[in-house]
C-alpha cells in the first residue's frame, strides 16, 4: 500500500475517532450520525485487516447484499461491529464449512428466520418455561452450527 493512501486512512480514522468537541460536531455533520453511533465503525481497509480479507471481497459481499455497511456523505463505507460479526460468520461458512456464496445466502436467510422464530417462541411460551427452554435450546444449537455472533460456541 502506498504511503499516501496509508496516510489518508490514518487521517480518516483520526477524524472518525477524535473526541474533541469540534471534531465530534464535524463528524456528526459529515457522517449524518449521532456521535454515540460512531463506536466501533471501521473503514473498509481497517475492516479488511481485522477480518484478514481483501477489501474487494467486502465490496463483493456488499454487491451481493450479504452485508450493508453504512456510508458517509462522501460515500466512504463504514462497517459496524454487527457488520464485522456477520462477516466473520460468512468467512467461517465459506472457509471452514466449504459453502459457496449461494449456500451462504441461504444460511443467512435461515438464520434470520430462526431469529424470528426465537423471538416468537419467547413471546408465546413466556408462561411455559420448560417448553420455552427446549425450543430455545434447539434454536441455539442451529445458530451455533453457523457460529452466529452472540451464541455460546460450547467450549471452542
C-alpha atoms as a PDB file:
ATOM      1  CA  UNK A   1       0.000   0.000   0.000  1.00  0.00           C
ATOM      2  CA  UNK A   2       1.410   3.408  -0.885  1.00  0.00           C
ATOM      3  CA  UNK A   3       2.255   5.841   1.901  1.00  0.00           C
ATOM      4  CA  UNK A   4      -0.227   8.446   0.612  1.00  0.00           C
ATOM      5  CA  UNK A   5      -3.123   6.005   0.906  1.00  0.00           C
ATOM      6  CA  UNK A   6      -1.963   4.868   4.341  1.00  0.00           C
ATOM      7  CA  UNK A   7      -1.778   8.496   5.472  1.00  0.00           C
ATOM      8  CA  UNK A   8      -5.318   9.190   4.148  1.00  0.00           C
ATOM      9  CA  UNK A   9      -6.603   6.159   6.090  1.00  0.00           C
ATOM     10  CA  UNK A  10      -4.894   7.375   9.262  1.00  0.00           C
ATOM     11  CA  UNK A  11      -6.376  10.844   8.781  1.00  0.00           C
ATOM     12  CA  UNK A  12      -9.806   9.326   8.190  1.00  0.00           C
ATOM     13  CA  UNK A  13      -9.504   7.161  11.298  1.00  0.00           C
ATOM     14  CA  UNK A  14      -8.229  10.005  13.444  1.00  0.00           C
ATOM     15  CA  UNK A  15     -11.068  12.174  12.142  1.00  0.00           C
ATOM     16  CA  UNK A  16     -13.612   9.470  12.971  1.00  0.00           C
ATOM     17  CA  UNK A  17     -12.196   8.724  16.389  1.00  0.00           C
ATOM     18  CA  UNK A  18     -11.125  12.211  17.563  1.00  0.00           C
ATOM     19  CA  UNK A  19     -13.028  13.027  20.751  1.00  0.00           C
ATOM     20  CA  UNK A  20     -12.699  16.827  20.723  1.00  0.00           C
ATOM     21  CA  UNK A  21     -15.933  18.823  20.601  1.00  0.00           C
ATOM     22  CA  UNK A  22     -15.134  20.407  17.222  1.00  0.00           C
ATOM     23  CA  UNK A  23     -14.257  17.057  15.662  1.00  0.00           C
ATOM     24  CA  UNK A  24     -17.371  15.485  17.152  1.00  0.00           C
ATOM     25  CA  UNK A  25     -19.528  18.203  15.623  1.00  0.00           C
ATOM     26  CA  UNK A  26     -17.789  17.869  12.245  1.00  0.00           C
ATOM     27  CA  UNK A  27     -18.097  14.086  12.424  1.00  0.00           C
ATOM     28  CA  UNK A  28     -21.808  14.267  13.219  1.00  0.00           C
ATOM     29  CA  UNK A  29     -22.404  16.647  10.343  1.00  0.00           C
ATOM     30  CA  UNK A  30     -20.189  14.724   7.945  1.00  0.00           C
ATOM     31  CA  UNK A  31     -21.459  11.265   8.783  1.00  0.00           C
ATOM     32  CA  UNK A  32     -25.060  12.253   9.491  1.00  0.00           C
ATOM     33  CA  UNK A  33     -24.963  10.060  12.611  1.00  0.00           C
ATOM     34  CA  UNK A  34     -25.079  10.527  16.320  1.00  0.00           C
ATOM     35  CA  UNK A  35     -21.642  10.628  17.935  1.00  0.00           C
ATOM     36  CA  UNK A  36     -22.513   7.622  20.112  1.00  0.00           C
ATOM     37  CA  UNK A  37     -23.154   5.579  16.936  1.00  0.00           C
ATOM     38  CA  UNK A  38     -19.508   6.010  15.944  1.00  0.00           C
ATOM     39  CA  UNK A  39     -18.331   3.447  18.474  1.00  0.00           C
ATOM     40  CA  UNK A  40     -16.866   0.520  16.557  1.00  0.00           C
ATOM     41  CA  UNK A  41     -17.126   1.722  12.978  1.00  0.00           C
ATOM     42  CA  UNK A  42     -14.323   0.849  10.612  1.00  0.00           C
ATOM     43  CA  UNK A  43     -13.423   1.979   7.118  1.00  0.00           C
ATOM     44  CA  UNK A  44     -13.027  -0.772   4.544  1.00  0.00           C
ATOM     45  CA  UNK A  45      -9.249  -1.142   4.817  1.00  0.00           C
ATOM     46  CA  UNK A  46      -9.390  -1.498   8.605  1.00  0.00           C
ATOM     47  CA  UNK A  47     -12.316  -3.929   8.424  1.00  0.00           C
ATOM     48  CA  UNK A  48     -10.439  -5.979   5.820  1.00  0.00           C
ATOM     49  CA  UNK A  49      -7.352  -6.154   8.061  1.00  0.00           C
ATOM     50  CA  UNK A  50      -9.423  -7.119  11.104  1.00  0.00           C
ATOM     51  CA  UNK A  51     -11.047  -9.936   9.148  1.00  0.00           C
ATOM     52  CA  UNK A  52      -7.955 -10.906   7.154  1.00  0.00           C
ATOM     53  CA  UNK A  53      -9.963 -10.480   3.965  1.00  0.00           C
ATOM     54  CA  UNK A  54      -9.290  -8.495   0.826  1.00  0.00           C
ATOM     55  CA  UNK A  55     -11.239  -5.215   0.561  1.00  0.00           C
ATOM     56  CA  UNK A  56     -12.531  -6.366  -2.829  1.00  0.00           C
ATOM     57  CA  UNK A  57     -14.143  -9.355  -1.085  1.00  0.00           C
ATOM     58  CA  UNK A  58     -16.005  -6.969   1.218  1.00  0.00           C
ATOM     59  CA  UNK A  59     -17.189  -4.988  -1.796  1.00  0.00           C
ATOM     60  CA  UNK A  60     -18.341  -8.210  -3.470  1.00  0.00           C
ATOM     61  CA  UNK A  61     -20.341  -9.221  -0.381  1.00  0.00           C
ATOM     62  CA  UNK A  62     -21.942  -5.779  -0.371  1.00  0.00           C
ATOM     63  CA  UNK A  63     -22.873  -6.081  -4.073  1.00  0.00           C
ATOM     64  CA  UNK A  64     -24.471  -9.456  -3.263  1.00  0.00           C
ATOM     65  CA  UNK A  65     -26.343  -7.770  -0.377  1.00  0.00           C
ATOM     66  CA  UNK A  66     -24.854 -10.129   2.210  1.00  0.00           C
ATOM     67  CA  UNK A  67     -23.856  -7.036   4.210  1.00  0.00           C
ATOM     68  CA  UNK A  68     -24.886  -3.382   4.126  1.00  0.00           C
ATOM     69  CA  UNK A  69     -22.248  -1.074   5.583  1.00  0.00           C
ATOM     70  CA  UNK A  70     -23.365   2.464   6.247  1.00  0.00           C
ATOM     71  CA  UNK A  71     -21.914   5.296   4.177  1.00  0.00           C
ATOM     72  CA  UNK A  72     -20.635   8.753   4.904  1.00  0.00           C
ATOM     73  CA  UNK A  73     -21.731  11.759   2.876  1.00  0.00           C
ATOM     74  CA  UNK A  74     -18.567  11.198   0.824  1.00  0.00           C
ATOM     75  CA  UNK A  75     -19.645   7.553   0.220  1.00  0.00           C
ATOM     76  CA  UNK A  76     -16.927   6.074   2.465  1.00  0.00           C
ATOM     77  CA  UNK A  77     -18.029   2.637   3.700  1.00  0.00           C
ATOM     78  CA  UNK A  78     -18.307   2.290   7.481  1.00  0.00           C
ATOM     79  CA  UNK A  79     -18.505  -1.231   8.917  1.00  0.00           C
ATOM     80  CA  UNK A  80     -20.177  -1.569  12.317  1.00  0.00           C
ATOM     81  CA  UNK A  81     -19.379  -4.187  14.950  1.00  0.00           C
ATOM     82  CA  UNK A  82     -22.504  -6.025  13.756  1.00  0.00           C
ATOM     83  CA  UNK A  83     -21.207  -5.973  10.160  1.00  0.00           C
ATOM     84  CA  UNK A  84     -17.834  -7.316  11.335  1.00  0.00           C
ATOM     85  CA  UNK A  85     -19.536 -10.136  13.268  1.00  0.00           C
ATOM     86  CA  UNK A  86     -21.663 -11.034  10.247  1.00  0.00           C
ATOM     87  CA  UNK A  87     -18.578 -11.023   8.019  1.00  0.00           C
ATOM     88  CA  UNK A  88     -16.815 -13.362  10.472  1.00  0.00           C
ATOM     89  CA  UNK A  89     -19.779 -15.728  10.211  1.00  0.00           C
ATOM     90  CA  UNK A  90     -19.684 -15.540   6.395  1.00  0.00           C
ATOM     91  CA  UNK A  91     -15.933 -16.194   6.446  1.00  0.00           C
ATOM     92  CA  UNK A  92     -16.481 -19.239   8.677  1.00  0.00           C
ATOM     93  CA  UNK A  93     -19.163 -20.622   6.359  1.00  0.00           C
ATOM     94  CA  UNK A  94     -17.013 -20.147   3.252  1.00  0.00           C
ATOM     95  CA  UNK A  95     -13.582 -21.124   4.558  1.00  0.00           C
ATOM     96  CA  UNK A  96     -14.311 -23.633   7.322  1.00  0.00           C
ATOM     97  CA  UNK A  97     -17.569 -25.161   6.108  1.00  0.00           C
ATOM     98  CA  UNK A  98     -16.791 -25.005   2.393  1.00  0.00           C
ATOM     99  CA  UNK A  99     -20.004 -23.249   1.413  1.00  0.00           C
ATOM    100  CA  UNK A 100     -20.313 -21.307  -1.791  1.00  0.00           C
ATOM    101  CA  UNK A 101     -21.921 -17.877  -1.698  1.00  0.00           C
ATOM    102  CA  UNK A 102     -25.320 -19.237  -2.769  1.00  0.00           C
ATOM    103  CA  UNK A 103     -25.170 -21.505   0.277  1.00  0.00           C
ATOM    104  CA  UNK A 104     -24.152 -18.577   2.460  1.00  0.00           C
ATOM    105  CA  UNK A 105     -27.158 -16.575   1.209  1.00  0.00           C
ATOM    106  CA  UNK A 106     -29.435 -19.477   2.118  1.00  0.00           C
ATOM    107  CA  UNK A 107     -27.767 -19.916   5.528  1.00  0.00           C
ATOM    108  CA  UNK A 108     -28.187 -16.208   6.309  1.00  0.00           C
ATOM    109  CA  UNK A 109     -31.853 -16.359   5.287  1.00  0.00           C
ATOM    110  CA  UNK A 110     -32.319 -19.371   7.586  1.00  0.00           C
ATOM    111  CA  UNK A 111     -30.561 -17.569  10.434  1.00  0.00           C
ATOM    112  CA  UNK A 112     -32.942 -14.620  10.003  1.00  0.00           C
ATOM    113  CA  UNK A 113     -35.927 -16.985  10.102  1.00  0.00           C
ATOM    114  CA  UNK A 114     -34.558 -18.750  13.188  1.00  0.00           C
ATOM    115  CA  UNK A 115     -34.124 -15.409  14.945  1.00  0.00           C
ATOM    116  CA  UNK A 116     -37.727 -14.522  14.130  1.00  0.00           C
ATOM    117  CA  UNK A 117     -38.919 -17.922  15.432  1.00  0.00           C
ATOM    118  CA  UNK A 118     -36.854 -17.458  18.599  1.00  0.00           C
ATOM    119  CA  UNK A 119     -38.466 -14.073  19.220  1.00  0.00           C
ATOM    120  CA  UNK A 120     -41.945 -15.519  18.635  1.00  0.00           C
ATOM    121  CA  UNK A 121     -41.239 -18.539  20.862  1.00  0.00           C
ATOM    122  CA  UNK A 122     -40.049 -16.320  23.693  1.00  0.00           C
ATOM    123  CA  UNK A 123     -43.244 -14.288  23.499  1.00  0.00           C
ATOM    124  CA  UNK A 124     -45.655 -17.229  23.124  1.00  0.00           C
ATOM    125  CA  UNK A 125     -44.017 -19.511  25.661  1.00  0.00           C
ATOM    126  CA  UNK A 126     -43.419 -16.976  28.399  1.00  0.00           C
ATOM    127  CA  UNK A 127     -45.753 -18.957  30.717  1.00  0.00           C
ATOM    128  CA  UNK A 128     -44.399 -22.439  29.970  1.00  0.00           C
ATOM    129  CA  UNK A 129     -40.727 -22.223  30.929  1.00  0.00           C
ATOM    130  CA  UNK A 130     -39.925 -25.915  30.243  1.00  0.00           C
ATOM    131  CA  UNK A 131     -41.238 -25.816  26.666  1.00  0.00           C
ATOM    132  CA  UNK A 132     -39.573 -22.455  26.150  1.00  0.00           C
ATOM    133  CA  UNK A 133     -36.206 -23.833  27.310  1.00  0.00           C
ATOM    134  CA  UNK A 134     -36.420 -26.869  24.997  1.00  0.00           C
ATOM    135  CA  UNK A 135     -37.323 -24.807  21.928  1.00  0.00           C
ATOM    136  CA  UNK A 136     -34.753 -22.102  22.623  1.00  0.00           C
ATOM    137  CA  UNK A 137     -32.013 -24.716  23.170  1.00  0.00           C
ATOM    138  CA  UNK A 138     -32.825 -26.323  19.806  1.00  0.00           C
ATOM    139  CA  UNK A 139     -32.713 -22.940  18.066  1.00  0.00           C
ATOM    140  CA  UNK A 140     -29.438 -22.055  19.802  1.00  0.00           C
ATOM    141  CA  UNK A 141     -27.912 -25.322  18.556  1.00  0.00           C
ATOM    142  CA  UNK A 142     -28.821 -24.421  14.964  1.00  0.00           C
ATOM    143  CA  UNK A 143     -27.336 -20.938  15.393  1.00  0.00           C
ATOM    144  CA  UNK A 144     -24.213 -22.454  16.960  1.00  0.00           C
ATOM    145  CA  UNK A 145     -23.647 -24.533  13.791  1.00  0.00           C
ATOM    146  CA  UNK A 146     -23.158 -21.352  11.729  1.00  0.00           C
ATOM    147  CA  UNK A 147     -21.255 -19.603  14.543  1.00  0.00           C
ATOM    148  CA  UNK A 148     -23.856 -16.882  14.850  1.00  0.00           C
ATOM    149  CA  UNK A 149     -22.400 -13.985  16.907  1.00  0.00           C
ATOM    150  CA  UNK A 150     -23.540 -13.842  20.496  1.00  0.00           C
ATOM    151  CA  UNK A 151     -24.270 -17.572  20.774  1.00  0.00           C
ATOM    152  CA  UNK A 152     -22.023 -19.550  23.103  1.00  0.00           C
ATOM    153  CA  UNK A 153     -19.961 -21.888  20.921  1.00  0.00           C
ATOM    154  CA  UNK A 154     -19.802 -24.610  23.578  1.00  0.00           C
ATOM    155  CA  UNK A 155     -16.123 -24.872  24.537  1.00  0.00           C
ATOM    156  CA  UNK A 156     -14.434 -23.956  21.241  1.00  0.00           C
END
